[in-house]
PDB file of N, CA and C in Angstrom:
ATOM      1  N   MET A   1       0.838  -1.188   0.000  1.00  0.00           N
ATOM      2  CA  MET A   1       0.000   0.000   0.000  1.00  0.00           C
ATOM      3  C   MET A   1       0.880   1.248   0.000  1.00  0.00           C
ATOM      4  N   ASP A   2       0.631   2.140  -0.946  1.00  0.00           N
ATOM      5  CA  ASP A   2       1.398   3.370  -1.036  1.00  0.00           C
ATOM      6  C   ASP A   2       0.883   4.396  -0.035  1.00  0.00           C
ATOM      7  N   VAL A   3       1.812   5.151   0.508  1.00  0.00           N
ATOM      8  CA  VAL A   3       1.460   6.217   1.426  1.00  0.00           C
ATOM      9  C   VAL A   3       1.136   7.451   0.601  1.00  0.00           C
ATOM     10  N   GLU A   4       0.061   8.135   0.948  1.00  0.00           N
ATOM     11  CA  GLU A   4      -0.365   9.324   0.227  1.00  0.00           C
ATOM     12  C   GLU A   4      -0.469  10.500   1.185  1.00  0.00           C
ATOM     13  N   PRO A   5      -0.422  11.718   0.645  1.00  0.00           N
ATOM     14  CA  PRO A   5      -0.595  12.890   1.500  1.00  0.00           C
ATOM     15  C   PRO A   5      -2.006  12.947   2.065  1.00  0.00           C
ATOM     16  N   ARG A   6      -2.103  13.278   3.324  1.00  0.00           N
ATOM     17  CA  ARG A   6      -3.389  13.511   3.972  1.00  0.00           C
ATOM     18  C   ARG A   6      -3.689  15.006   3.933  1.00  0.00           C
ATOM     19  N   GLU A   7      -2.609  15.809   4.086  1.00  0.00           N
ATOM     20  CA  GLU A   7      -2.739  17.265   4.079  1.00  0.00           C
ATOM     21  C   GLU A   7      -1.447  17.860   3.529  1.00  0.00           C
ATOM     22  N   VAL A   8      -1.582  18.892   2.706  1.00  0.00           N
ATOM     23  CA  VAL A   8      -0.434  19.586   2.132  1.00  0.00           C
ATOM     24  C   VAL A   8      -0.565  21.062   2.467  1.00  0.00           C
ATOM     25  N   ASN A   9       0.434  21.600   3.157  1.00  0.00           N
ATOM     26  CA  ASN A   9       0.468  23.025   3.497  1.00  0.00           C
ATOM     27  C   ASN A   9       1.629  23.666   2.759  1.00  0.00           C
ATOM     28  N   VAL A  10       1.302  24.610   1.899  1.00  0.00           N
ATOM     29  CA  VAL A  10       2.317  25.263   1.078  1.00  0.00           C
ATOM     30  C   VAL A  10       2.542  26.674   1.577  1.00  0.00           C
ATOM     31  N   GLY A  11       3.794  26.968   1.916  1.00  0.00           N
ATOM     32  CA  GLY A  11       4.195  28.316   2.277  1.00  0.00           C
ATOM     33  C   GLY A  11       5.125  28.838   1.203  1.00  0.00           C
ATOM     34  N   SER A  12       5.523  30.068   1.291  1.00  0.00           N
ATOM     35  CA  SER A  12       6.404  30.630   0.266  1.00  0.00           C
ATOM     36  C   SER A  12       7.812  30.044   0.311  1.00  0.00           C
ATOM     37  N   GLU A  13       8.212  29.512   1.474  1.00  0.00           N
ATOM     38  CA  GLU A  13       9.578  28.997   1.600  1.00  0.00           C
ATOM     39  C   GLU A  13       9.665  27.484   1.741  1.00  0.00           C
ATOM     40  N   SER A  14       8.527  26.807   1.971  1.00  0.00           N
ATOM     41  CA  SER A  14       8.570  25.356   2.124  1.00  0.00           C
ATOM     42  C   SER A  14       7.177  24.757   1.960  1.00  0.00           C
ATOM     43  N   VAL A  15       7.166  23.439   1.819  1.00  0.00           N
ATOM     44  CA  VAL A  15       5.911  22.694   1.785  1.00  0.00           C
ATOM     45  C   VAL A  15       5.981  21.659   2.903  1.00  0.00           C
ATOM     46  N   THR A  16       4.896  21.531   3.666  1.00  0.00           N
ATOM     47  CA  THR A  16       4.811  20.542   4.729  1.00  0.00           C
ATOM     48  C   THR A  16       3.706  19.566   4.360  1.00  0.00           C
ATOM     49  N   ILE A  17       4.038  18.283   4.391  1.00  0.00           N
ATOM     50  CA  ILE A  17       3.091  17.244   4.000  1.00  0.00           C
ATOM     51  C   ILE A  17       2.856  16.300   5.177  1.00  0.00           C
ATOM     52  N   SER A  18       1.583  16.123   5.527  1.00  0.00           N
ATOM     53  CA  SER A  18       1.184  15.117   6.512  1.00  0.00           C
ATOM     54  C   SER A  18       0.733  13.901   5.719  1.00  0.00           C
ATOM     55  N   TRP A  19       1.334  12.754   5.999  1.00  0.00           N
ATOM     56  CA  TRP A  19       1.070  11.528   5.244  1.00  0.00           C
ATOM     57  C   TRP A  19       0.048  10.658   5.953  1.00  0.00           C
ATOM     58  N   THR A  20      -0.581   9.763   5.196  1.00  0.00           N
ATOM     59  CA  THR A  20      -1.627   8.900   5.752  1.00  0.00           C
ATOM     60  C   THR A  20      -1.095   7.940   6.811  1.00  0.00           C
ATOM     61  N   ASP A  21       0.212   7.722   6.864  1.00  0.00           N
ATOM     62  CA  ASP A  21       0.770   6.852   7.901  1.00  0.00           C
ATOM     63  C   ASP A  21       1.161   7.618   9.165  1.00  0.00           C
ATOM     64  N   GLY A  22       0.850   8.924   9.197  1.00  0.00           N
ATOM     65  CA  GLY A  22       1.131   9.733  10.375  1.00  0.00           C
ATOM     66  C   GLY A  22       2.416  10.533  10.312  1.00  0.00           C
ATOM     67  N   ALA A  23       3.290  10.236   9.374  1.00  0.00           N
ATOM     68  CA  ALA A  23       4.545  10.978   9.237  1.00  0.00           C
ATOM     69  C   ALA A  23       4.268  12.381   8.706  1.00  0.00           C
ATOM     70  N   VAL A  24       5.147  13.320   9.054  1.00  0.00           N
ATOM     71  CA  VAL A  24       5.067  14.686   8.568  1.00  0.00           C
ATOM     72  C   VAL A  24       6.439  15.059   8.029  1.00  0.00           C
ATOM     73  N   THR A  25       6.474  15.589   6.819  1.00  0.00           N
ATOM     74  CA  THR A  25       7.748  16.011   6.228  1.00  0.00           C
ATOM     75  C   THR A  25       7.647  17.461   5.789  1.00  0.00           C
ATOM     76  N   ALA A  26       8.756  18.172   5.907  1.00  0.00           N
ATOM     77  CA  ALA A  26       8.851  19.556   5.443  1.00  0.00           C
ATOM     78  C   ALA A  26       9.995  19.630   4.438  1.00  0.00           C
ATOM     79  N   ILE A  27       9.735  20.245   3.296  1.00  0.00           N
ATOM     80  CA  ILE A  27      10.743  20.339   2.244  1.00  0.00           C
ATOM     81  C   ILE A  27      10.892  21.816   1.863  1.00  0.00           C
ATOM     82  N   PRO A  28      12.101  22.365   1.992  1.00  0.00           N
ATOM     83  CA  PRO A  28      12.328  23.760   1.615  1.00  0.00           C
ATOM     84  C   PRO A  28      12.139  23.979   0.111  1.00  0.00           C
ATOM     85  N   GLY A  29      11.623  25.152  -0.253  1.00  0.00           N
ATOM     86  CA  GLY A  29      11.458  25.503  -1.661  1.00  0.00           C
ATOM     87  C   GLY A  29      12.760  25.435  -2.427  1.00  0.00           C
ATOM     88  N   ARG A  30      13.855  25.810  -1.784  1.00  0.00           N
ATOM     89  CA  ARG A  30      15.179  25.760  -2.416  1.00  0.00           C
ATOM     90  C   ARG A  30      15.498  24.330  -2.860  1.00  0.00           C
ATOM     91  N   ARG A  31      15.170  23.380  -2.013  1.00  0.00           N
ATOM     92  CA  ARG A  31      15.448  21.980  -2.343  1.00  0.00           C
ATOM     93  C   ARG A  31      14.531  21.491  -3.460  1.00  0.00           C
ATOM     94  N   LEU A  32      13.256  21.866  -3.392  1.00  0.00           N
ATOM     95  CA  LEU A  32      12.335  21.486  -4.454  1.00  0.00           C
ATOM     96  C   LEU A  32      12.794  22.036  -5.799  1.00  0.00           C
ATOM     97  N   ARG A  33      13.139  23.318  -5.817  1.00  0.00           N
ATOM     98  CA  ARG A  33      13.531  23.956  -7.086  1.00  0.00           C
ATOM     99  C   ARG A  33      14.811  23.347  -7.629  1.00  0.00           C
ATOM    100  N   SER A  34      15.795  23.093  -6.774  1.00  0.00           N
ATOM    101  CA  SER A  34      17.068  22.545  -7.246  1.00  0.00           C
ATOM    102  C   SER A  34      16.960  21.071  -7.630  1.00  0.00           C
ATOM    103  N   SER A  35      15.879  20.411  -7.204  1.00  0.00           N
ATOM    104  CA  SER A  35      15.662  18.999  -7.531  1.00  0.00           C
ATOM    105  C   SER A  35      14.568  18.810  -8.577  1.00  0.00           C
ATOM    106  N   CYS A  36      14.228  19.859  -9.289  1.00  0.00           N
ATOM    107  CA  CYS A  36      13.139  19.788 -10.254  1.00  0.00           C
ATOM    108  C   CYS A  36      13.350  18.610 -11.209  1.00  0.00           C
ATOM    109  N   PRO A  37      12.331  17.749 -11.344  1.00  0.00           N
ATOM    110  CA  PRO A  37      12.476  16.560 -12.169  1.00  0.00           C
ATOM    111  C   PRO A  37      12.181  16.758 -13.654  1.00  0.00           C
ATOM    112  N   CYS A  38      11.909  17.991 -14.099  1.00  0.00           N
ATOM    113  CA  CYS A  38      11.570  18.180 -15.511  1.00  0.00           C
ATOM    114  C   CYS A  38      12.792  17.944 -16.398  1.00  0.00           C
ATOM    115  N   ALA A  39      12.544  17.649 -17.657  1.00  0.00           N
ATOM    116  CA  ALA A  39      13.617  17.330 -18.605  1.00  0.00           C
ATOM    117  C   ALA A  39      14.592  18.491 -18.772  1.00  0.00           C
ATOM    118  N   GLU A  40      14.086  19.704 -18.846  1.00  0.00           N
ATOM    119  CA  GLU A  40      14.960  20.857 -19.026  1.00  0.00           C
ATOM    120  C   GLU A  40      15.938  21.017 -17.861  1.00  0.00           C
ATOM    121  N   CYS A  41      15.429  20.907 -16.638  1.00  0.00           N
ATOM    122  CA  CYS A  41      16.297  21.055 -15.464  1.00  0.00           C
ATOM    123  C   CYS A  41      17.293  19.905 -15.362  1.00  0.00           C
ATOM    124  N   ARG A  42      16.862  18.693 -15.661  1.00  0.00           N
ATOM    125  CA  ARG A  42      17.772  17.544 -15.602  1.00  0.00           C
ATOM    126  C   ARG A  42      18.867  17.683 -16.661  1.00  0.00           C
ATOM    127  N   GLU A  43      18.530  18.221 -17.834  1.00  0.00           N
ATOM    128  CA  GLU A  43      19.523  18.436 -18.877  1.00  0.00           C
ATOM    129  C   GLU A  43      20.549  19.475 -18.438  1.00  0.00           C
ATOM    130  N   HIS A  44      20.077  20.562 -17.839  1.00  0.00           N
ATOM    131  CA  HIS A  44      20.979  21.606 -17.353  1.00  0.00           C
ATOM    132  C   HIS A  44      21.857  21.091 -16.224  1.00  0.00           C
ATOM    133  N   GLU A  45      21.283  20.248 -15.371  1.00  0.00           N
ATOM    134  CA  GLU A  45      22.043  19.685 -14.250  1.00  0.00           C
ATOM    135  C   GLU A  45      23.212  18.846 -14.753  1.00  0.00           C
ATOM    136  N   SER A  46      22.982  18.027 -15.769  1.00  0.00           N
ATOM    137  CA  SER A  46      24.048  17.157 -16.269  1.00  0.00           C
ATOM    138  C   SER A  46      25.108  17.948 -17.018  1.00  0.00           C
ATOM    139  N   ALA A  47      24.744  19.127 -17.555  1.00  0.00           N
ATOM    140  CA  ALA A  47      25.708  19.939 -18.290  1.00  0.00           C
ATOM    141  C   ALA A  47      26.452  20.914 -17.383  1.00  0.00           C
ATOM    142  N   ALA A  48      25.947  21.140 -16.180  1.00  0.00           N
ATOM    143  CA  ALA A  48      26.551  22.114 -15.267  1.00  0.00           C
ATOM    144  C   ALA A  48      27.885  21.615 -14.735  1.00  0.00           C
ATOM    145  N   THR A  49      28.814  22.551 -14.629  1.00  0.00           N
ATOM    146  CA  THR A  49      30.114  22.197 -14.071  1.00  0.00           C
ATOM    147  C   THR A  49      30.271  22.701 -12.645  1.00  0.00           C
ATOM    148  N   SER A  50      29.342  23.558 -12.211  1.00  0.00           N
ATOM    149  CA  SER A  50      29.382  24.042 -10.837  1.00  0.00           C
ATOM    150  C   SER A  50      27.962  24.268 -10.357  1.00  0.00           C
ATOM    151  N   PHE A  51      27.813  24.298  -9.045  1.00  0.00           N
ATOM    152  CA  PHE A  51      26.503  24.511  -8.449  1.00  0.00           C
ATOM    153  C   PHE A  51      26.098  25.969  -8.633  1.00  0.00           C
ATOM    154  N   ILE A  52      24.904  26.187  -9.141  1.00  0.00           N
ATOM    155  CA  ILE A  52      24.383  27.535  -9.317  1.00  0.00           C
ATOM    156  C   ILE A  52      23.484  27.834  -8.131  1.00  0.00           C
ATOM    157  N   GLU A  53      23.774  28.880  -7.416  1.00  0.00           N
ATOM    158  CA  GLU A  53      22.992  29.254  -6.243  1.00  0.00           C
ATOM    159  C   GLU A  53      21.610  29.717  -6.665  1.00  0.00           C
ATOM    160  N   ILE A  54      20.600  29.163  -6.052  1.00  0.00           N
ATOM    161  CA  ILE A  54      19.224  29.558  -6.336  1.00  0.00           C
ATOM    162  C   ILE A  54      18.748  30.429  -5.189  1.00  0.00           C
ATOM    163  N   ASP A  55      18.389  31.671  -5.501  1.00  0.00           N
ATOM    164  CA  ASP A  55      17.978  32.593  -4.450  1.00  0.00           C
ATOM    165  C   ASP A  55      16.460  32.695  -4.390  1.00  0.00           C
ATOM    166  N   ASP A  56      15.899  33.841  -4.707  1.00  0.00           N
ATOM    167  CA  ASP A  56      14.457  34.014  -4.603  1.00  0.00           C
ATOM    168  C   ASP A  56      13.686  33.208  -5.644  1.00  0.00           C
ATOM    169  N   ARG A  57      14.362  32.604  -6.586  1.00  0.00           N
ATOM    170  CA  ARG A  57      13.697  31.748  -7.564  1.00  0.00           C
ATOM    171  C   ARG A  57      13.110  30.512  -6.907  1.00  0.00           C
ATOM    172  N   SER A  58      13.559  30.201  -5.702  1.00  0.00           N
ATOM    173  CA  SER A  58      13.055  29.020  -5.008  1.00  0.00           C
ATOM    174  C   SER A  58      11.787  29.300  -4.198  1.00  0.00           C
ATOM    175  N   THR A  59      11.296  30.535  -4.246  1.00  0.00           N
ATOM    176  CA  THR A  59      10.046  30.866  -3.567  1.00  0.00           C
ATOM    177  C   THR A  59       8.903  30.105  -4.233  1.00  0.00           C
ATOM    178  N   ILE A  60       8.067  29.481  -3.427  1.00  0.00           N
ATOM    179  CA  ILE A  60       6.918  28.743  -3.956  1.00  0.00           C
ATOM    180  C   ILE A  60       5.747  29.717  -4.064  1.00  0.00           C
ATOM    181  N   VAL A  61       5.231  29.901  -5.280  1.00  0.00           N
ATOM    182  CA  VAL A  61       4.115  30.825  -5.469  1.00  0.00           C
ATOM    183  C   VAL A  61       2.791  30.107  -5.721  1.00  0.00           C
ATOM    184  N   ASP A  62       2.839  28.813  -6.049  1.00  0.00           N
ATOM    185  CA  ASP A  62       1.616  28.060  -6.293  1.00  0.00           C
ATOM    186  C   ASP A  62       1.924  26.569  -6.247  1.00  0.00           C
ATOM    187  N   ALA A  63       0.906  25.777  -5.952  1.00  0.00           N
ATOM    188  CA  ALA A  63       1.027  24.316  -5.973  1.00  0.00           C
ATOM    189  C   ALA A  63      -0.296  23.744  -6.464  1.00  0.00           C
ATOM    190  N   ARG A  64      -0.207  22.720  -7.297  1.00  0.00           N
ATOM    191  CA  ARG A  64      -1.404  22.082  -7.867  1.00  0.00           C
ATOM    192  C   ARG A  64      -1.294  20.572  -7.738  1.00  0.00           C
ATOM    193  N   LEU A  65      -2.412  19.931  -7.443  1.00  0.00           N
ATOM    194  CA  LEU A  65      -2.462  18.470  -7.454  1.00  0.00           C
ATOM    195  C   LEU A  65      -2.477  18.007  -8.902  1.00  0.00           C
ATOM    196  N   ILE A  66      -1.733  16.958  -9.190  1.00  0.00           N
ATOM    197  CA  ILE A  66      -1.705  16.356 -10.514  1.00  0.00           C
ATOM    198  C   ILE A  66      -2.243  14.938 -10.367  1.00  0.00           C
ATOM    199  N   GLY A  67      -3.443  14.728 -10.884  1.00  0.00           N
ATOM    200  CA  GLY A  67      -4.065  13.414 -10.733  1.00  0.00           C
ATOM    201  C   GLY A  67      -4.102  13.022  -9.269  1.00  0.00           C
ATOM    202  N   GLY A  68      -3.901  11.766  -8.993  1.00  0.00           N
ATOM    203  CA  GLY A  68      -3.863  11.288  -7.615  1.00  0.00           C
ATOM    204  C   GLY A  68      -2.482  10.813  -7.244  1.00  0.00           C
ATOM    205  N   TYR A  69      -1.430  11.381  -7.897  1.00  0.00           N
ATOM    206  CA  TYR A  69      -0.100  10.839  -7.695  1.00  0.00           C
ATOM    207  C   TYR A  69       1.013  11.866  -7.530  1.00  0.00           C
ATOM    208  N   ALA A  70       0.732  13.163  -7.716  1.00  0.00           N
ATOM    209  CA  ALA A  70       1.837  14.124  -7.727  1.00  0.00           C
ATOM    210  C   ALA A  70       1.362  15.543  -7.430  1.00  0.00           C
ATOM    211  N   LEU A  71       2.358  16.422  -7.217  1.00  0.00           N
ATOM    212  CA  LEU A  71       2.140  17.857  -7.077  1.00  0.00           C
ATOM    213  C   LEU A  71       3.018  18.579  -8.096  1.00  0.00           C
ATOM    214  N   ARG A  72       2.528  19.718  -8.568  1.00  0.00           N
ATOM    215  CA  ARG A  72       3.341  20.582  -9.430  1.00  0.00           C
ATOM    216  C   ARG A  72       3.429  21.939  -8.744  1.00  0.00           C
ATOM    217  N   PHE A  73       4.638  22.448  -8.606  1.00  0.00           N
ATOM    218  CA  PHE A  73       4.865  23.725  -7.955  1.00  0.00           C
ATOM    219  C   PHE A  73       5.220  24.777  -9.003  1.00  0.00           C
ATOM    220  N   THR A  74       4.810  26.009  -8.738  1.00  0.00           N
ATOM    221  CA  THR A  74       5.270  27.152  -9.521  1.00  0.00           C
ATOM    222  C   THR A  74       6.183  27.939  -8.599  1.00  0.00           C
ATOM    223  N   PHE A  75       7.362  28.275  -9.110  1.00  0.00           N
ATOM    224  CA  PHE A  75       8.373  28.971  -8.315  1.00  0.00           C
ATOM    225  C   PHE A  75       8.461  30.441  -8.706  1.00  0.00           C
ATOM    226  N   GLY A  76       9.157  31.206  -7.900  1.00  0.00           N
ATOM    227  CA  GLY A  76       9.301  32.640  -8.100  1.00  0.00           C
ATOM    228  C   GLY A  76       9.884  33.036  -9.436  1.00  0.00           C
ATOM    229  N   ASP A  77      10.621  32.142 -10.067  1.00  0.00           N
ATOM    230  CA  ASP A  77      11.183  32.440 -11.388  1.00  0.00           C
ATOM    231  C   ASP A  77      10.226  32.077 -12.514  1.00  0.00           C
ATOM    232  N   GLY A  78       8.995  31.651 -12.157  1.00  0.00           N
ATOM    233  CA  GLY A  78       7.989  31.296 -13.149  1.00  0.00           C
ATOM    234  C   GLY A  78       8.038  29.840 -13.579  1.00  0.00           C
ATOM    235  N   HIS A  79       9.044  29.108 -13.155  1.00  0.00           N
ATOM    236  CA  HIS A  79       9.183  27.710 -13.552  1.00  0.00           C
ATOM    237  C   HIS A  79       8.081  26.868 -12.926  1.00  0.00           C
ATOM    238  N   ALA A  80       7.411  26.036 -13.766  1.00  0.00           N
ATOM    239  CA  ALA A  80       6.306  25.201 -13.276  1.00  0.00           C
ATOM    240  C   ALA A  80       6.210  23.903 -14.064  1.00  0.00           C
ATOM    241  N   ASP A  81       7.328  23.414 -14.573  1.00  0.00           N
ATOM    242  CA  ASP A  81       7.299  22.221 -15.425  1.00  0.00           C
ATOM    243  C   ASP A  81       7.495  20.910 -14.689  1.00  0.00           C
ATOM    244  N   GLY A  82       8.040  20.947 -13.496  1.00  0.00           N
ATOM    245  CA  GLY A  82       8.335  19.705 -12.778  1.00  0.00           C
ATOM    246  C   GLY A  82       7.112  19.117 -12.106  1.00  0.00           C
ATOM    247  N   ILE A  83       6.928  17.823 -12.264  1.00  0.00           N
ATOM    248  CA  ILE A  83       5.864  17.099 -11.586  1.00  0.00           C
ATOM    249  C   ILE A  83       6.535  16.190 -10.560  1.00  0.00           C
ATOM    250  N   TYR A  84       6.221  16.417  -9.291  1.00  0.00           N
ATOM    251  CA  TYR A  84       6.845  15.715  -8.171  1.00  0.00           C
ATOM    252  C   TYR A  84       5.906  14.619  -7.681  1.00  0.00           C
ATOM    253  N   ALA A  85       6.191  13.384  -8.025  1.00  0.00           N
ATOM    254  CA  ALA A  85       5.382  12.250  -7.581  1.00  0.00           C
ATOM    255  C   ALA A  85       5.427  12.168  -6.055  1.00  0.00           C
ATOM    256  N   TYR A  86       4.347  11.676  -5.468  1.00  0.00           N
ATOM    257  CA  TYR A  86       4.284  11.574  -4.014  1.00  0.00           C
ATOM    258  C   TYR A  86       5.472  10.817  -3.433  1.00  0.00           C
ATOM    259  N   HIS A  87       5.857   9.708  -4.058  1.00  0.00           N
ATOM    260  CA  HIS A  87       6.973   8.928  -3.500  1.00  0.00           C
ATOM    261  C   HIS A  87       8.276   9.720  -3.542  1.00  0.00           C
ATOM    262  N   VAL A  88       8.432  10.594  -4.522  1.00  0.00           N
ATOM    263  CA  VAL A  88       9.631  11.435  -4.600  1.00  0.00           C
ATOM    264  C   VAL A  88       9.612  12.458  -3.470  1.00  0.00           C
ATOM    265  N   LEU A  89       8.471  13.070  -3.242  1.00  0.00           N
ATOM    266  CA  LEU A  89       8.355  14.039  -2.152  1.00  0.00           C
ATOM    267  C   LEU A  89       8.594  13.372  -0.801  1.00  0.00           C
ATOM    268  N   ARG A  90       8.097  12.161  -0.639  1.00  0.00           N
ATOM    269  CA  ARG A  90       8.304  11.427   0.616  1.00  0.00           C
ATOM    270  C   ARG A  90       9.794  11.165   0.832  1.00  0.00           C
ATOM    271  N   GLU A  91      10.496  10.743  -0.221  1.00  0.00           N
ATOM    272  CA  GLU A  91      11.940  10.500  -0.118  1.00  0.00           C
ATOM    273  C   GLU A  91      12.697  11.798   0.173  1.00  0.00           C
ATOM    274  N   MET A  92      12.309  12.894  -0.477  1.00  0.00           N
ATOM    275  CA  MET A  92      12.974  14.177  -0.247  1.00  0.00           C
ATOM    276  C   MET A  92      12.812  14.611   1.197  1.00  0.00           C
ATOM    277  N   GLY A  93      11.655  14.375   1.756  1.00  0.00           N
ATOM    278  CA  GLY A  93      11.388  14.767   3.133  1.00  0.00           C
ATOM    279  C   GLY A  93      12.105  13.912   4.149  1.00  0.00           C
ATOM    280  N   ALA A  94      12.484  12.693   3.758  1.00  0.00           N
ATOM    281  CA  ALA A  94      13.161  11.780   4.674  1.00  0.00           C
ATOM    282  C   ALA A  94      14.665  12.022   4.715  1.00  0.00           C
ATOM    283  N   GLN A  95      15.171  12.768   3.797  1.00  0.00           N
ATOM    284  CA  GLN A  95      16.634  12.977   3.727  1.00  0.00           C
ATOM    285  C   GLN A  95      17.073  14.126   4.579  1.00  0.00           C
TER     286      GLN A  95
END
């Protein structure tokens, strides 16, 4: 049985997720933005030779449910292409 979010609270600097198994995880916007799973970001990540500091671009300005399996965030830089599956968010929160 997969664990799903029971409640999602989105702030400008982080997202806090309460899971159906009782666990609660908080993930900073900076981490979400730097871990964006979209093809464009993954391509840039593999081509990068140094870490690029993400400042106010990591501000979370919106969040949307995608089907029954993921969330999509819009960040301060306008980026909204990454779809974060629940299991990915759970793993990010556990690290």
